[in-house]
Every structure is written in C-alpha cells, then in structure tokens.
N, C-alpha and C. Protein backbone atom coordinates (compact mmCIF):
# COMPACT_ATOMS: atom_id res chain seq x y z
N LEU A 1 -6.19 -14.45 7.45
CA LEU A 1 -5.86 -13.92 6.14
C LEU A 1 -6.85 -14.47 5.10
N ALA A 2 -7.12 -15.75 5.21
CA ALA A 2 -8.04 -16.37 4.26
C ALA A 2 -9.43 -15.73 4.34
N ALA A 3 -9.88 -15.40 5.54
CA ALA A 3 -11.19 -14.77 5.70
C ALA A 3 -11.23 -13.40 5.02
N HIS A 4 -10.14 -12.67 5.08
CA HIS A 4 -10.08 -11.36 4.42
C HIS A 4 -10.12 -11.52 2.90
N TYR A 5 -9.48 -12.56 2.40
CA TYR A 5 -9.55 -12.84 0.96
C TYR A 5 -10.97 -13.25 0.58
N GLU A 6 -11.57 -14.11 1.41
CA GLU A 6 -12.91 -14.61 1.12
C GLU A 6 -13.93 -13.46 1.08
N ARG A 7 -13.81 -12.51 2.01
CA ARG A 7 -14.73 -11.36 2.07
C ARG A 7 -14.43 -10.34 0.95
N GLY A 8 -13.25 -10.42 0.37
CA GLY A 8 -12.88 -9.47 -0.67
C GLY A 8 -12.15 -8.24 -0.15
N ASP A 9 -11.87 -8.20 1.16
CA ASP A 9 -11.12 -7.08 1.73
C ASP A 9 -9.70 -7.05 1.17
N LEU A 10 -9.16 -8.23 0.93
CA LEU A 10 -7.82 -8.38 0.36
C LEU A 10 -7.89 -9.33 -0.81
N SER A 11 -7.02 -9.10 -1.77
CA SER A 11 -6.87 -10.00 -2.91
C SER A 11 -5.49 -9.74 -3.49
N ASP A 12 -5.07 -10.58 -4.41
CA ASP A 12 -3.79 -10.33 -5.05
C ASP A 12 -3.81 -8.97 -5.75
N ALA A 13 -4.94 -8.64 -6.35
CA ALA A 13 -5.06 -7.36 -7.05
C ALA A 13 -4.95 -6.19 -6.07
N VAL A 14 -5.57 -6.31 -4.91
CA VAL A 14 -5.50 -5.24 -3.91
C VAL A 14 -4.06 -5.09 -3.41
N LEU A 15 -3.40 -6.19 -3.12
CA LEU A 15 -2.04 -6.14 -2.60
C LEU A 15 -1.05 -5.54 -3.59
N LEU A 16 -1.37 -5.60 -4.87
CA LEU A 16 -0.47 -5.08 -5.90
C LEU A 16 -1.00 -3.82 -6.58
N ASP A 17 -2.08 -3.25 -6.05
CA ASP A 17 -2.73 -2.10 -6.65
C ASP A 17 -1.86 -0.84 -6.51
N PRO A 18 -1.33 -0.33 -7.61
CA PRO A 18 -0.47 0.86 -7.52
C PRO A 18 -1.23 2.14 -7.16
N SER A 19 -2.56 2.13 -7.27
CA SER A 19 -3.32 3.33 -6.93
C SER A 19 -3.53 3.49 -5.43
N LEU A 20 -3.29 2.42 -4.65
CA LEU A 20 -3.41 2.52 -3.19
C LEU A 20 -2.20 3.25 -2.64
N SER A 21 -2.45 4.18 -1.73
CA SER A 21 -1.33 4.85 -1.07
C SER A 21 -0.68 3.87 -0.10
N ALA A 22 0.53 4.19 0.31
CA ALA A 22 1.23 3.35 1.28
C ALA A 22 0.42 3.23 2.57
N ALA A 23 -0.20 4.32 2.99
CA ALA A 23 -1.00 4.32 4.22
C ALA A 23 -2.25 3.45 4.08
N GLU A 24 -2.89 3.49 2.91
CA GLU A 24 -4.08 2.67 2.68
C GLU A 24 -3.73 1.19 2.68
N LEU A 25 -2.64 0.83 2.02
CA LEU A 25 -2.23 -0.57 2.00
C LEU A 25 -1.84 -1.04 3.40
N TYR A 26 -1.12 -0.19 4.12
CA TYR A 26 -0.73 -0.50 5.50
C TYR A 26 -1.97 -0.78 6.35
N ALA A 27 -3.00 0.04 6.21
CA ALA A 27 -4.24 -0.15 6.98
C ALA A 27 -4.91 -1.47 6.62
N LYS A 28 -4.94 -1.81 5.35
CA LYS A 28 -5.55 -3.07 4.92
C LYS A 28 -4.77 -4.27 5.47
N LEU A 29 -3.46 -4.18 5.42
CA LEU A 29 -2.64 -5.30 5.91
C LEU A 29 -2.75 -5.48 7.41
N THR A 30 -2.67 -4.39 8.15
CA THR A 30 -2.69 -4.50 9.61
C THR A 30 -4.08 -4.80 10.16
N ALA A 31 -5.09 -4.74 9.32
CA ALA A 31 -6.44 -5.14 9.75
C ALA A 31 -6.54 -6.66 9.89
N VAL A 32 -5.59 -7.37 9.31
CA VAL A 32 -5.57 -8.83 9.38
C VAL A 32 -4.90 -9.25 10.68
N LYS A 33 -5.59 -10.09 11.45
CA LYS A 33 -5.02 -10.57 12.70
C LYS A 33 -3.74 -11.35 12.39
N GLY A 34 -2.65 -10.97 13.05
CA GLY A 34 -1.38 -11.64 12.84
C GLY A 34 -0.43 -10.88 11.93
N ILE A 35 -0.94 -9.87 11.24
CA ILE A 35 -0.07 -9.01 10.42
C ILE A 35 0.02 -7.67 11.13
N GLY A 36 1.17 -7.43 11.71
CA GLY A 36 1.37 -6.20 12.46
C GLY A 36 2.13 -5.17 11.66
N PRO A 37 2.47 -4.07 12.31
CA PRO A 37 3.19 -3.00 11.62
C PRO A 37 4.50 -3.45 10.97
N TRP A 38 5.28 -4.23 11.69
CA TRP A 38 6.57 -4.67 11.14
C TRP A 38 6.37 -5.49 9.87
N SER A 39 5.47 -6.46 9.91
CA SER A 39 5.22 -7.30 8.73
C SER A 39 4.71 -6.48 7.55
N ALA A 40 3.81 -5.55 7.82
CA ALA A 40 3.28 -4.70 6.75
C ALA A 40 4.39 -3.86 6.14
N HIS A 41 5.23 -3.27 7.00
CA HIS A 41 6.32 -2.45 6.48
C HIS A 41 7.31 -3.28 5.66
N MET A 42 7.63 -4.47 6.12
CA MET A 42 8.58 -5.31 5.38
C MET A 42 8.01 -5.71 4.01
N TYR A 43 6.71 -6.01 3.96
CA TYR A 43 6.08 -6.33 2.67
C TYR A 43 6.15 -5.12 1.74
N GLN A 44 5.85 -3.95 2.28
CA GLN A 44 5.86 -2.75 1.46
C GLN A 44 7.28 -2.43 0.96
N MET A 45 8.26 -2.62 1.81
CA MET A 45 9.64 -2.31 1.43
C MET A 45 10.21 -3.34 0.46
N PHE A 46 10.08 -4.61 0.80
CA PHE A 46 10.77 -5.66 0.04
C PHE A 46 9.89 -6.36 -0.99
N GLY A 47 8.59 -6.43 -0.73
CA GLY A 47 7.69 -7.06 -1.67
C GLY A 47 7.26 -6.12 -2.78
N LEU A 48 6.99 -4.86 -2.41
CA LEU A 48 6.50 -3.89 -3.38
C LEU A 48 7.55 -2.84 -3.77
N LEU A 49 8.67 -2.85 -3.06
CA LEU A 49 9.75 -1.90 -3.32
C LEU A 49 9.29 -0.45 -3.21
N GLN A 50 8.40 -0.19 -2.23
CA GLN A 50 7.96 1.19 -2.01
C GLN A 50 9.12 1.97 -1.39
N PRO A 51 9.43 3.14 -1.93
CA PRO A 51 10.65 3.84 -1.53
C PRO A 51 10.58 4.63 -0.23
N ASP A 52 9.38 4.92 0.27
CA ASP A 52 9.30 5.80 1.45
C ASP A 52 8.59 5.14 2.62
N ILE A 53 9.11 4.02 3.06
CA ILE A 53 8.56 3.31 4.22
C ILE A 53 9.57 3.43 5.36
N PHE A 54 9.10 3.85 6.50
CA PHE A 54 9.97 3.99 7.67
C PHE A 54 9.50 3.02 8.75
N PRO A 55 10.18 1.88 8.89
CA PRO A 55 9.77 0.86 9.86
C PRO A 55 10.23 1.18 11.28
N THR A 56 9.49 2.03 11.97
CA THR A 56 9.88 2.42 13.33
C THR A 56 9.89 1.25 14.30
N GLY A 57 9.15 0.20 13.97
CA GLY A 57 9.10 -0.97 14.84
C GLY A 57 10.29 -1.89 14.71
N ASP A 58 11.17 -1.62 13.77
CA ASP A 58 12.32 -2.49 13.56
C ASP A 58 13.47 -2.08 14.48
N LEU A 59 13.87 -2.99 15.34
CA LEU A 59 14.93 -2.71 16.32
C LEU A 59 16.24 -2.37 15.63
N GLY A 60 16.57 -3.05 14.55
CA GLY A 60 17.81 -2.78 13.84
C GLY A 60 17.86 -1.36 13.29
N VAL A 61 16.74 -0.89 12.76
CA VAL A 61 16.67 0.48 12.25
C VAL A 61 16.84 1.46 13.39
N ARG A 62 16.16 1.22 14.49
CA ARG A 62 16.29 2.13 15.65
C ARG A 62 17.72 2.13 16.18
N ASN A 63 18.36 0.96 16.25
CA ASN A 63 19.74 0.89 16.72
C ASN A 63 20.68 1.63 15.76
N GLY A 64 20.43 1.50 14.48
CA GLY A 64 21.24 2.22 13.50
C GLY A 64 21.09 3.72 13.63
N ILE A 65 19.88 4.18 13.85
CA ILE A 65 19.63 5.62 14.04
C ILE A 65 20.37 6.10 15.28
N LYS A 66 20.31 5.30 16.32
CA LYS A 66 21.00 5.66 17.57
C LYS A 66 22.50 5.82 17.32
N GLU A 67 23.08 4.87 16.59
CA GLU A 67 24.52 4.92 16.31
C GLU A 67 24.87 6.04 15.35
N ALA A 68 24.14 6.14 14.25
CA ALA A 68 24.46 7.11 13.20
C ALA A 68 24.31 8.56 13.66
N PHE A 69 23.30 8.81 14.49
CA PHE A 69 23.01 10.18 14.89
C PHE A 69 23.37 10.48 16.34
N GLY A 70 23.89 9.48 17.05
CA GLY A 70 24.29 9.69 18.44
C GLY A 70 23.14 10.04 19.36
N LEU A 71 21.98 9.47 19.10
CA LEU A 71 20.79 9.78 19.90
C LEU A 71 20.69 8.84 21.10
N ARG A 72 20.12 9.35 22.17
CA ARG A 72 19.78 8.53 23.32
C ARG A 72 18.28 8.54 23.46
N GLY A 73 17.74 7.38 23.76
CA GLY A 73 16.30 7.28 23.87
C GLY A 73 15.83 7.02 25.29
N ALA A 74 14.54 6.79 25.41
CA ALA A 74 13.91 6.57 26.71
C ALA A 74 13.97 5.12 27.14
N GLY A 75 14.49 4.24 26.30
CA GLY A 75 14.56 2.82 26.63
C GLY A 75 15.75 2.48 27.52
N LYS A 76 15.85 1.21 27.85
CA LYS A 76 16.93 0.73 28.70
C LYS A 76 18.28 1.02 28.04
N ASN A 77 19.22 1.54 28.82
CA ASN A 77 20.56 1.90 28.35
C ASN A 77 20.54 2.89 27.18
N GLY A 78 19.53 3.74 27.14
CA GLY A 78 19.45 4.77 26.12
C GLY A 78 18.91 4.30 24.78
N ALA A 79 18.34 3.09 24.75
CA ALA A 79 17.78 2.57 23.49
C ALA A 79 16.62 3.46 23.04
N LEU A 80 16.48 3.60 21.74
CA LEU A 80 15.36 4.36 21.19
C LEU A 80 14.11 3.50 21.24
N ASP A 81 13.09 4.01 21.88
CA ASP A 81 11.82 3.30 22.04
C ASP A 81 10.87 3.71 20.92
N GLU A 82 10.24 2.74 20.32
CA GLU A 82 9.34 2.98 19.18
C GLU A 82 8.26 4.01 19.51
N LYS A 83 7.70 3.96 20.69
CA LYS A 83 6.60 4.85 21.04
C LYS A 83 7.07 6.11 21.76
N ARG A 84 7.89 5.94 22.78
CA ARG A 84 8.30 7.09 23.58
C ARG A 84 9.26 8.03 22.84
N ASP A 85 9.98 7.51 21.86
CA ASP A 85 10.94 8.33 21.11
C ASP A 85 10.51 8.56 19.67
N LYS A 86 9.22 8.47 19.43
CA LYS A 86 8.70 8.60 18.07
C LYS A 86 9.12 9.91 17.40
N GLU A 87 9.05 11.00 18.13
CA GLU A 87 9.42 12.30 17.55
C GLU A 87 10.89 12.35 17.17
N LYS A 88 11.76 11.80 18.01
CA LYS A 88 13.20 11.75 17.70
C LYS A 88 13.46 10.92 16.45
N LEU A 89 12.79 9.77 16.38
CA LEU A 89 12.97 8.89 15.23
C LEU A 89 12.50 9.57 13.94
N GLU A 90 11.34 10.19 13.99
CA GLU A 90 10.81 10.85 12.81
C GLU A 90 11.67 12.03 12.39
N ALA A 91 12.19 12.78 13.36
CA ALA A 91 13.05 13.92 13.05
C ALA A 91 14.35 13.45 12.41
N ALA A 92 14.90 12.35 12.89
CA ALA A 92 16.16 11.84 12.33
C ALA A 92 15.98 11.38 10.89
N MET A 93 14.83 10.80 10.57
CA MET A 93 14.62 10.24 9.24
C MET A 93 13.92 11.21 8.27
N ALA A 94 13.40 12.31 8.77
CA ALA A 94 12.67 13.26 7.91
C ALA A 94 13.48 13.74 6.71
N PRO A 95 14.76 14.04 6.86
CA PRO A 95 15.51 14.53 5.70
C PRO A 95 15.63 13.50 4.57
N PHE A 96 15.37 12.25 4.85
CA PHE A 96 15.52 11.20 3.85
C PHE A 96 14.26 10.94 3.04
N ALA A 97 13.14 11.56 3.44
CA ALA A 97 11.90 11.41 2.67
C ALA A 97 12.12 12.02 1.29
N PRO A 98 11.69 11.43 0.25
CA PRO A 98 10.83 10.25 0.10
C PRO A 98 11.60 8.94 -0.12
N TYR A 99 12.77 8.82 0.47
CA TYR A 99 13.57 7.60 0.30
C TYR A 99 13.93 6.96 1.64
N ARG A 100 12.97 6.93 2.54
CA ARG A 100 13.26 6.39 3.87
C ARG A 100 13.45 4.88 3.88
N SER A 101 12.96 4.18 2.87
CA SER A 101 13.24 2.74 2.78
C SER A 101 14.73 2.52 2.58
N LEU A 102 15.33 3.30 1.71
CA LEU A 102 16.77 3.21 1.48
C LEU A 102 17.54 3.63 2.74
N ALA A 103 17.09 4.69 3.38
CA ALA A 103 17.73 5.14 4.62
C ALA A 103 17.64 4.06 5.69
N ALA A 104 16.52 3.35 5.75
CA ALA A 104 16.38 2.25 6.72
C ALA A 104 17.42 1.17 6.44
N TRP A 105 17.66 0.88 5.17
CA TRP A 105 18.68 -0.11 4.81
C TRP A 105 20.04 0.32 5.35
N TYR A 106 20.36 1.60 5.20
CA TYR A 106 21.63 2.10 5.72
C TYR A 106 21.67 2.06 7.25
N MET A 107 20.54 2.27 7.89
CA MET A 107 20.50 2.18 9.35
C MET A 107 20.77 0.75 9.81
N TRP A 108 20.25 -0.24 9.05
CA TRP A 108 20.58 -1.63 9.37
C TRP A 108 22.08 -1.86 9.25
N ARG A 109 22.70 -1.29 8.22
CA ARG A 109 24.13 -1.45 8.04
C ARG A 109 24.89 -0.80 9.19
N CYS A 110 24.45 0.38 9.62
CA CYS A 110 25.10 1.04 10.76
C CYS A 110 25.01 0.18 12.01
N ALA A 111 23.86 -0.41 12.23
CA ALA A 111 23.66 -1.25 13.41
C ALA A 111 24.52 -2.50 13.36
N ASP A 112 24.81 -2.99 12.15
CA ASP A 112 25.57 -4.23 11.98
C ASP A 112 27.08 -4.01 11.88
N THR A 113 27.52 -2.76 11.86
CA THR A 113 28.93 -2.46 11.70
C THR A 113 29.56 -2.18 13.06
N PRO A 114 30.38 -3.09 13.58
CA PRO A 114 30.94 -2.91 14.92
C PRO A 114 31.78 -1.64 15.08
N SER A 115 32.51 -1.26 14.06
CA SER A 115 33.41 -0.12 14.19
C SER A 115 32.77 1.22 13.88
N PHE A 116 31.48 1.20 13.55
CA PHE A 116 30.83 2.44 13.18
C PHE A 116 30.70 3.29 14.38
C-alpha cells in the first residue's frame, strides 16, 4: 500500500475523489497486493457510503440471497457460489440497482435471522 502511495497511484485525494466511478476506484484498490474484492467493496460501502455496491464475494450476502429468494446454487448443499452462480446473484440483485448496498445490508439481515 505504501508503495502505491509513494508512486502516486493512490493518495488520500484519490481515495476520496468523487469524480472516480465505483469501477475505477475498485480497480485502483484491487491493484494493491492484499486488497481484494471484498475489502474494496467494504471500503466503498462503509467508508465512502457508495449506494450501488454489490459485494458478491461476501458469504453473508450470498446466504441472504439464497434465503430471501429461495435460490439453490452450485456450491456444497446448494450454496450460492461467487463465480459459478454469478448470473443468479446478479439477476436477484438487479431490481435493487442503484441501491444494491442497501439491499446487501438487508441480505445480511436475512442471513442472520433464524426464523426467516
């Protein structure tokens, strides 16, 4: 991370630049060794409060989608797999755009609610 700051690829100004699209910021963050998709999405959702981030790599979100929509995936015991079930995941969350960050929060709640 420090090397990216030193080279100027990243800076506090870049990380907070409102003119960068979500995809551009995601690309800059994931270019740093050790910052993967999940970390980038969590920063965008909770650090920047970007409203349309869909963290497909988050197990809780996938479990919530499975429960809320009654979907079965290609994973063990019907779990939704981030890669193999990408189309199912995107189709389930498409109606919530441009507020998929909020929808993800509700999916976490679905996953955490035993009686749901």
